[in-house]
Amino acid sequence: MIKSELIQKLADENPHLFQRDVERIVAAVFDEIADALSRGDRVELRGFGAFSVKQRDARVGRNPRTGESVDVPEKRAPFFKTGKDLRDRMNG
């Protein structure tokens, strides 16, 4: 499912809301999650999962094309861990 499909499904399930309002709601939720992660906070949606940020240390990598060693700087990467309810729903 892509973002536009999510918006359309929510708009269909909530006919009392205008589609532009649903778009703003979805955008606000995603923006808040992104802002929290950029601050290094953890976002937990009970039953769905938790978004967090993992620190990746600097390391020496290898350029696959030339084989030469390359310094890879440290970076932060988003991480998602599924919640128990979601895992059970997928595997049950």
N, C-alpha and C. Protein backbone atom coordinates (compact mmCIF):
# COMPACT_ATOMS: atom_id res chain seq x y z
N MET A 1 0.85 -1.17 0.00
CA MET A 1 0.00 0.00 0.00
C MET A 1 0.90 1.24 0.00
N ILE A 2 0.53 2.18 -0.83
CA ILE A 2 1.27 3.44 -0.87
C ILE A 2 0.44 4.52 -0.17
N LYS A 3 1.08 5.66 0.06
CA LYS A 3 0.45 6.73 0.84
C LYS A 3 -0.90 7.16 0.25
N SER A 4 -0.98 7.30 -1.07
CA SER A 4 -2.23 7.73 -1.69
C SER A 4 -3.34 6.70 -1.49
N GLU A 5 -2.98 5.41 -1.50
CA GLU A 5 -3.97 4.36 -1.26
C GLU A 5 -4.46 4.41 0.19
N LEU A 6 -3.55 4.68 1.12
CA LEU A 6 -3.93 4.82 2.52
C LEU A 6 -4.91 5.98 2.69
N ILE A 7 -4.59 7.10 2.08
CA ILE A 7 -5.46 8.28 2.17
C ILE A 7 -6.83 7.97 1.60
N GLN A 8 -6.88 7.30 0.44
CA GLN A 8 -8.15 6.97 -0.18
C GLN A 8 -8.97 6.03 0.68
N LYS A 9 -8.32 5.03 1.28
CA LYS A 9 -9.03 4.08 2.14
C LYS A 9 -9.60 4.78 3.37
N LEU A 10 -8.82 5.65 3.98
CA LEU A 10 -9.31 6.39 5.14
C LEU A 10 -10.45 7.33 4.76
N ALA A 11 -10.34 7.95 3.60
CA ALA A 11 -11.41 8.85 3.14
C ALA A 11 -12.69 8.06 2.87
N ASP A 12 -12.56 6.88 2.30
CA ASP A 12 -13.73 6.04 2.03
C ASP A 12 -14.40 5.58 3.32
N GLU A 13 -13.59 5.26 4.33
CA GLU A 13 -14.13 4.78 5.61
C GLU A 13 -14.68 5.91 6.48
N ASN A 14 -14.34 7.15 6.15
CA ASN A 14 -14.80 8.31 6.92
C ASN A 14 -15.42 9.34 5.98
N PRO A 15 -16.64 9.05 5.48
CA PRO A 15 -17.25 9.94 4.49
C PRO A 15 -17.57 11.34 5.04
N HIS A 16 -17.56 11.50 6.37
CA HIS A 16 -17.83 12.81 6.95
C HIS A 16 -16.62 13.74 6.86
N LEU A 17 -15.45 13.21 6.45
CA LEU A 17 -14.25 14.02 6.29
C LEU A 17 -13.96 14.27 4.81
N PHE A 18 -13.49 15.46 4.51
CA PHE A 18 -13.07 15.74 3.14
C PHE A 18 -11.73 15.06 2.89
N GLN A 19 -11.49 14.68 1.63
CA GLN A 19 -10.24 13.99 1.31
C GLN A 19 -9.03 14.88 1.62
N ARG A 20 -9.13 16.18 1.40
CA ARG A 20 -8.00 17.07 1.69
C ARG A 20 -7.68 17.09 3.18
N ASP A 21 -8.73 16.91 4.03
CA ASP A 21 -8.50 16.85 5.47
C ASP A 21 -7.80 15.55 5.85
N VAL A 22 -8.19 14.45 5.20
CA VAL A 22 -7.54 13.16 5.46
C VAL A 22 -6.07 13.24 5.03
N GLU A 23 -5.79 13.89 3.88
CA GLU A 23 -4.42 14.05 3.43
C GLU A 23 -3.60 14.82 4.45
N ARG A 24 -4.16 15.87 5.03
CA ARG A 24 -3.45 16.66 6.04
C ARG A 24 -3.20 15.84 7.30
N ILE A 25 -4.17 15.03 7.70
CA ILE A 25 -4.02 14.19 8.89
C ILE A 25 -2.89 13.18 8.70
N VAL A 26 -2.90 12.49 7.56
CA VAL A 26 -1.87 11.49 7.27
C VAL A 26 -0.49 12.16 7.20
N ALA A 27 -0.42 13.30 6.54
CA ALA A 27 0.86 14.02 6.44
C ALA A 27 1.34 14.46 7.82
N ALA A 28 0.42 14.92 8.67
CA ALA A 28 0.80 15.35 10.01
C ALA A 28 1.34 14.19 10.84
N VAL A 29 0.72 13.02 10.73
CA VAL A 29 1.18 11.85 11.47
C VAL A 29 2.58 11.46 11.01
N PHE A 30 2.80 11.39 9.69
CA PHE A 30 4.11 11.01 9.17
C PHE A 30 5.16 12.06 9.54
N ASP A 31 4.80 13.34 9.47
CA ASP A 31 5.74 14.41 9.82
C ASP A 31 6.14 14.32 11.29
N GLU A 32 5.19 14.04 12.16
CA GLU A 32 5.50 13.93 13.59
C GLU A 32 6.42 12.75 13.87
N ILE A 33 6.17 11.63 13.19
CA ILE A 33 7.05 10.47 13.36
C ILE A 33 8.45 10.81 12.89
N ALA A 34 8.57 11.46 11.72
CA ALA A 34 9.88 11.83 11.19
C ALA A 34 10.59 12.84 12.10
N ASP A 35 9.85 13.82 12.61
CA ASP A 35 10.44 14.82 13.51
C ASP A 35 10.95 14.17 14.79
N ALA A 36 10.17 13.26 15.35
CA ALA A 36 10.58 12.58 16.58
C ALA A 36 11.84 11.75 16.34
N LEU A 37 11.90 11.05 15.22
CA LEU A 37 13.08 10.24 14.92
C LEU A 37 14.30 11.12 14.68
N SER A 38 14.12 12.27 14.04
CA SER A 38 15.26 13.16 13.80
C SER A 38 15.80 13.73 15.11
N ARG A 39 14.95 13.83 16.14
CA ARG A 39 15.39 14.27 17.46
C ARG A 39 16.02 13.11 18.25
N GLY A 40 15.91 11.89 17.72
CA GLY A 40 16.46 10.73 18.41
C GLY A 40 15.46 10.06 19.33
N ASP A 41 14.20 10.50 19.29
CA ASP A 41 13.16 9.90 20.13
C ASP A 41 12.67 8.59 19.54
N ARG A 42 11.97 7.84 20.36
CA ARG A 42 11.36 6.56 19.95
C ARG A 42 9.87 6.80 19.80
N VAL A 43 9.26 6.22 18.76
CA VAL A 43 7.83 6.35 18.52
C VAL A 43 7.21 4.97 18.60
N GLU A 44 6.29 4.79 19.53
CA GLU A 44 5.67 3.48 19.71
C GLU A 44 4.18 3.58 19.42
N LEU A 45 3.71 2.71 18.54
CA LEU A 45 2.29 2.61 18.21
C LEU A 45 1.84 1.24 18.71
N ARG A 46 1.16 1.23 19.84
CA ARG A 46 0.78 -0.03 20.48
C ARG A 46 0.05 -0.95 19.51
N GLY A 47 0.45 -2.20 19.48
CA GLY A 47 -0.17 -3.19 18.62
C GLY A 47 0.39 -3.18 17.22
N PHE A 48 1.10 -2.13 16.84
CA PHE A 48 1.65 -2.03 15.49
C PHE A 48 3.16 -2.22 15.50
N GLY A 49 3.85 -1.39 16.29
CA GLY A 49 5.30 -1.51 16.36
C GLY A 49 5.93 -0.24 16.88
N ALA A 50 7.25 -0.22 16.85
CA ALA A 50 7.99 0.92 17.38
C ALA A 50 9.07 1.34 16.39
N PHE A 51 9.15 2.64 16.16
CA PHE A 51 10.19 3.22 15.34
C PHE A 51 11.26 3.77 16.27
N SER A 52 12.51 3.54 15.95
CA SER A 52 13.61 4.08 16.74
C SER A 52 14.76 4.40 15.81
N VAL A 53 15.81 4.97 16.39
CA VAL A 53 17.00 5.33 15.61
C VAL A 53 18.16 4.52 16.14
N LYS A 54 18.89 3.89 15.23
CA LYS A 54 20.09 3.14 15.62
C LYS A 54 21.32 3.88 15.11
N GLN A 55 22.31 3.91 15.97
CA GLN A 55 23.59 4.54 15.61
C GLN A 55 24.48 3.50 14.94
N ARG A 56 24.96 3.81 13.76
CA ARG A 56 25.90 2.92 13.07
C ARG A 56 27.28 3.54 13.17
N ASP A 57 28.22 2.81 13.71
CA ASP A 57 29.57 3.30 13.90
C ASP A 57 30.30 3.46 12.57
N ALA A 58 31.33 4.31 12.59
CA ALA A 58 32.19 4.46 11.42
C ALA A 58 32.93 3.15 11.19
N ARG A 59 33.21 2.86 9.93
CA ARG A 59 33.89 1.61 9.61
C ARG A 59 34.65 1.77 8.30
N VAL A 60 35.43 0.79 8.00
CA VAL A 60 36.13 0.77 6.72
C VAL A 60 35.36 -0.19 5.81
N GLY A 61 34.86 0.33 4.71
CA GLY A 61 34.12 -0.49 3.76
C GLY A 61 34.97 -0.77 2.54
N ARG A 62 34.36 -1.39 1.55
CA ARG A 62 35.08 -1.73 0.33
C ARG A 62 34.24 -1.35 -0.87
N ASN A 63 34.84 -0.67 -1.81
CA ASN A 63 34.16 -0.33 -3.05
C ASN A 63 34.06 -1.60 -3.88
N PRO A 64 32.83 -2.09 -4.15
CA PRO A 64 32.71 -3.38 -4.86
C PRO A 64 33.21 -3.31 -6.31
N ARG A 65 33.21 -2.13 -6.89
CA ARG A 65 33.65 -2.02 -8.28
C ARG A 65 35.17 -2.07 -8.40
N THR A 66 35.86 -1.33 -7.51
CA THR A 66 37.32 -1.25 -7.62
C THR A 66 38.05 -2.11 -6.59
N GLY A 67 37.37 -2.47 -5.51
CA GLY A 67 37.99 -3.27 -4.47
C GLY A 67 38.79 -2.46 -3.46
N GLU A 68 38.86 -1.13 -3.65
CA GLU A 68 39.65 -0.31 -2.72
C GLU A 68 38.87 -0.06 -1.43
N SER A 69 39.61 0.16 -0.35
CA SER A 69 39.01 0.44 0.94
C SER A 69 38.49 1.88 0.98
N VAL A 70 37.33 2.05 1.64
CA VAL A 70 36.71 3.36 1.73
C VAL A 70 36.28 3.57 3.18
N ASP A 71 36.52 4.77 3.71
CA ASP A 71 36.05 5.09 5.05
C ASP A 71 34.56 5.44 4.99
N VAL A 72 33.76 4.74 5.77
CA VAL A 72 32.33 5.01 5.85
C VAL A 72 32.09 5.72 7.18
N PRO A 73 31.55 6.96 7.14
CA PRO A 73 31.36 7.69 8.40
C PRO A 73 30.23 7.10 9.24
N GLU A 74 30.21 7.46 10.52
CA GLU A 74 29.11 7.00 11.38
C GLU A 74 27.82 7.69 10.93
N LYS A 75 26.71 7.03 11.16
CA LYS A 75 25.43 7.60 10.78
C LYS A 75 24.32 7.02 11.63
N ARG A 76 23.20 7.71 11.60
CA ARG A 76 22.01 7.24 12.30
C ARG A 76 21.03 6.71 11.26
N ALA A 77 20.39 5.59 11.56
CA ALA A 77 19.47 4.97 10.62
C ALA A 77 18.17 4.63 11.34
N PRO A 78 17.03 4.83 10.65
CA PRO A 78 15.75 4.46 11.27
C PRO A 78 15.63 2.95 11.37
N PHE A 79 14.92 2.49 12.40
CA PHE A 79 14.74 1.07 12.65
C PHE A 79 13.30 0.86 13.08
N PHE A 80 12.66 -0.20 12.59
CA PHE A 80 11.28 -0.52 12.95
C PHE A 80 11.22 -1.92 13.52
N LYS A 81 10.58 -2.04 14.67
CA LYS A 81 10.38 -3.35 15.28
C LYS A 81 8.88 -3.58 15.39
N THR A 82 8.40 -4.68 14.82
CA THR A 82 6.97 -4.94 14.83
C THR A 82 6.47 -5.24 16.23
N GLY A 83 5.22 -4.89 16.47
CA GLY A 83 4.58 -5.19 17.74
C GLY A 83 4.04 -6.61 17.74
N LYS A 84 3.72 -7.11 18.92
CA LYS A 84 3.25 -8.48 19.06
C LYS A 84 1.94 -8.71 18.30
N ASP A 85 1.00 -7.77 18.40
CA ASP A 85 -0.28 -7.94 17.71
C ASP A 85 -0.10 -8.04 16.20
N LEU A 86 0.77 -7.22 15.64
CA LEU A 86 1.02 -7.25 14.20
C LEU A 86 1.69 -8.57 13.79
N ARG A 87 2.68 -8.99 14.57
CA ARG A 87 3.35 -10.28 14.28
C ARG A 87 2.35 -11.43 14.32
N ASP A 88 1.49 -11.45 15.36
CA ASP A 88 0.49 -12.51 15.48
C ASP A 88 -0.48 -12.49 14.31
N ARG A 89 -0.86 -11.30 13.88
CA ARG A 89 -1.80 -11.18 12.77
C ARG A 89 -1.19 -11.67 11.46
N MET A 90 0.10 -11.42 11.29
CA MET A 90 0.77 -11.85 10.06
C MET A 90 1.03 -13.35 10.05
N ASN A 91 1.28 -13.93 11.23
CA ASN A 91 1.64 -15.34 11.30
C ASN A 91 0.51 -16.25 11.76
N GLY A 92 -0.67 -15.69 11.99
CA GLY A 92 -1.75 -16.50 12.55
C GLY A 92 -2.84 -16.82 11.65
